[in-house]
Amino acid sequence: GWCGGGIYFATSAEATKTKAIGPDSHKGFLLEATVDVGLVKFMPVTCDRGLTGQKVQSEGYDSVSFDPGDGQEYIIYSNSRILSVKQIPM
């Protein structure tokens, strides 16, 4: 991903329509998650493909956020920050 190997979240179900754009996108289901993003580092539109959880934490942050041009995304680097998940029919 644009911000390295993390778990990426959109801020709404509607926003995922422009974010999941691969050839097999929009064929499965949506996951609604409650996520503890902690202290967020806001990045420019290009983000940093070299980011890792360790790098983000060494700078005092828990997660990253950026807007690639189609809406804000939040990235976490540890699944322990996911507090709950439920499947939403599409």
C-alpha atoms as a PDB file:
ATOM      1  CA  GLY A   1       0.000   0.000   0.000  1.00  0.00           C
ATOM      2  CA  TRP A   2       0.869   3.670  -0.219  1.00  0.00           C
ATOM      3  CA  CYS A   3       1.800   3.702   3.483  1.00  0.00           C
ATOM      4  CA  GLY A   4       3.616   0.371   3.651  1.00  0.00           C
ATOM      5  CA  GLY A   5       2.358  -3.001   4.769  1.00  0.00           C
ATOM      6  CA  GLY A   6      -0.503  -2.236   7.106  1.00  0.00           C
ATOM      7  CA  ILE A   7      -4.230  -2.735   7.532  1.00  0.00           C
ATOM      8  CA  TYR A   8      -6.088   0.006   5.656  1.00  0.00           C
ATOM      9  CA  PHE A   9      -9.478   1.455   6.589  1.00  0.00           C
ATOM     10  CA  ALA A  10     -11.826   3.861   4.830  1.00  0.00           C
ATOM     11  CA  THR A  11     -14.090   6.079   6.916  1.00  0.00           C
ATOM     12  CA  SER A  12     -17.394   4.899   5.417  1.00  0.00           C
ATOM     13  CA  ALA A  13     -18.900   2.105   3.341  1.00  0.00           C
ATOM     14  CA  GLU A  14     -19.457   4.578   0.490  1.00  0.00           C
ATOM     15  CA  ALA A  15     -15.763   5.510   0.453  1.00  0.00           C
ATOM     16  CA  THR A  16     -14.731   1.918  -0.257  1.00  0.00           C
ATOM     17  CA  LYS A  17     -16.286   2.114  -3.734  1.00  0.00           C
ATOM     18  CA  THR A  18     -13.373   4.215  -4.999  1.00  0.00           C
ATOM     19  CA  LYS A  19     -10.713   2.503  -2.904  1.00  0.00           C
ATOM     20  CA  ALA A  20     -11.256  -1.175  -3.649  1.00  0.00           C
ATOM     21  CA  ILE A  21     -10.651  -0.992  -7.393  1.00  0.00           C
ATOM     22  CA  GLY A  22      -8.887  -4.227  -8.302  1.00  0.00           C
ATOM     23  CA  PRO A  23     -10.381  -6.648 -10.847  1.00  0.00           C
ATOM     24  CA  ASP A  24     -11.892  -8.786  -8.072  1.00  0.00           C
ATOM     25  CA  SER A  25     -13.137  -5.897  -5.945  1.00  0.00           C
ATOM     26  CA  HIS A  26     -16.801  -5.463  -5.001  1.00  0.00           C
ATOM     27  CA  LYS A  27     -17.463  -9.206  -5.174  1.00  0.00           C
ATOM     28  CA  GLY A  28     -17.262 -10.112  -1.507  1.00  0.00           C
ATOM     29  CA  PHE A  29     -18.477  -8.379   1.587  1.00  0.00           C
ATOM     30  CA  LEU A  30     -17.745  -5.345   3.687  1.00  0.00           C
ATOM     31  CA  LEU A  31     -16.201  -5.449   7.144  1.00  0.00           C
ATOM     32  CA  GLU A  32     -17.226  -2.798   9.628  1.00  0.00           C
ATOM     33  CA  ALA A  33     -14.533  -2.386  12.258  1.00  0.00           C
ATOM     34  CA  THR A  34     -14.027  -0.432  15.432  1.00  0.00           C
ATOM     35  CA  VAL A  35     -10.363   0.510  15.523  1.00  0.00           C
ATOM     36  CA  ASP A  36      -8.257   2.198  18.183  1.00  0.00           C
ATOM     37  CA  VAL A  37      -6.081   4.416  15.981  1.00  0.00           C
ATOM     38  CA  GLY A  38      -4.287   5.941  18.974  1.00  0.00           C
ATOM     39  CA  LEU A  39      -2.021   8.858  18.085  1.00  0.00           C
ATOM     40  CA  VAL A  40      -2.278   9.415  14.320  1.00  0.00           C
ATOM     41  CA  LYS A  41       0.523  10.656  12.085  1.00  0.00           C
ATOM     42  CA  PHE A  42      -0.972  12.571   9.152  1.00  0.00           C
ATOM     43  CA  MET A  43       0.940  12.074   5.919  1.00  0.00           C
ATOM     44  CA  PRO A  44       0.926  13.840   2.523  1.00  0.00           C
ATOM     45  CA  VAL A  45      -0.908  12.431  -0.493  1.00  0.00           C
ATOM     46  CA  THR A  46       2.030  10.215  -1.506  1.00  0.00           C
ATOM     47  CA  CYS A  47       2.472   8.817   2.035  1.00  0.00           C
ATOM     48  CA  ASP A  48       5.570   6.569   2.387  1.00  0.00           C
ATOM     49  CA  ARG A  49       5.614   3.017   1.022  1.00  0.00           C
ATOM     50  CA  GLY A  50       8.488   2.189   3.384  1.00  0.00           C
ATOM     51  CA  LEU A  51       6.489   2.712   6.583  1.00  0.00           C
ATOM     52  CA  THR A  52       6.299  -0.131   9.082  1.00  0.00           C
ATOM     53  CA  GLY A  53       4.705  -0.459  12.481  1.00  0.00           C
ATOM     54  CA  GLN A  54       8.111  -0.244  14.092  1.00  0.00           C
ATOM     55  CA  LYS A  55       9.003   2.940  12.208  1.00  0.00           C
ATOM     56  CA  VAL A  56       5.671   4.584  13.058  1.00  0.00           C
ATOM     57  CA  GLN A  57       5.986   3.647  16.740  1.00  0.00           C
ATOM     58  CA  SER A  58       9.589   4.885  16.913  1.00  0.00           C
ATOM     59  CA  GLU A  59       8.254   8.314  15.933  1.00  0.00           C
ATOM     60  CA  GLY A  60       5.697   8.180  18.767  1.00  0.00           C
ATOM     61  CA  TYR A  61       2.622   7.306  16.685  1.00  0.00           C
ATOM     62  CA  ASP A  62       0.211   4.383  16.660  1.00  0.00           C
ATOM     63  CA  SER A  63      -1.234   4.751  13.168  1.00  0.00           C
ATOM     64  CA  VAL A  64      -1.054   6.782   9.969  1.00  0.00           C
ATOM     65  CA  SER A  65      -3.657   8.658   7.960  1.00  0.00           C
ATOM     66  CA  PHE A  66      -3.527  10.104   4.464  1.00  0.00           C
ATOM     67  CA  ASP A  67      -5.832  11.105   1.626  1.00  0.00           C
ATOM     68  CA  PRO A  68      -4.743   9.777  -1.779  1.00  0.00           C
ATOM     69  CA  GLY A  69      -7.310  12.031  -3.440  1.00  0.00           C
ATOM     70  CA  ASP A  70     -10.466   9.997  -2.917  1.00  0.00           C
ATOM     71  CA  GLY A  71     -10.969  10.337   0.843  1.00  0.00           C
ATOM     72  CA  GLN A  72      -9.148   9.855   4.109  1.00  0.00           C
ATOM     73  CA  GLU A  73      -7.690   6.448   4.971  1.00  0.00           C
ATOM     74  CA  TYR A  74      -6.364   5.190   8.297  1.00  0.00           C
ATOM     75  CA  ILE A  75      -3.626   2.579   8.510  1.00  0.00           C
ATOM     76  CA  ILE A  76      -2.714   0.469  11.516  1.00  0.00           C
ATOM     77  CA  TYR A  77       0.231  -1.900  11.703  1.00  0.00           C
ATOM     78  CA  SER A  78      -0.998  -4.282  14.396  1.00  0.00           C
ATOM     79  CA  ASN A  79      -4.273  -6.199  14.390  1.00  0.00           C
ATOM     80  CA  SER A  80      -4.428  -5.743  18.181  1.00  0.00           C
ATOM     81  CA  ARG A  81      -5.753  -2.214  17.457  1.00  0.00           C
ATOM     82  CA  ILE A  82      -8.917  -3.731  15.953  1.00  0.00           C
ATOM     83  CA  LEU A  83     -11.473  -3.770  18.758  1.00  0.00           C
ATOM     84  CA  SER A  84     -14.385  -5.357  16.900  1.00  0.00           C
ATOM     85  CA  VAL A  85     -15.375  -6.492  13.410  1.00  0.00           C
ATOM     86  CA  LYS A  86     -18.684  -7.410  11.823  1.00  0.00           C
ATOM     87  CA  GLN A  87     -19.618  -8.462   8.317  1.00  0.00           C
ATOM     88  CA  ILE A  88     -21.985  -6.176   6.408  1.00  0.00           C
ATOM     89  CA  PRO A  89     -23.904  -7.579   3.403  1.00  0.00           C
ATOM     90  CA  MET A  90     -23.246  -5.699   0.155  1.00  0.00           C
END
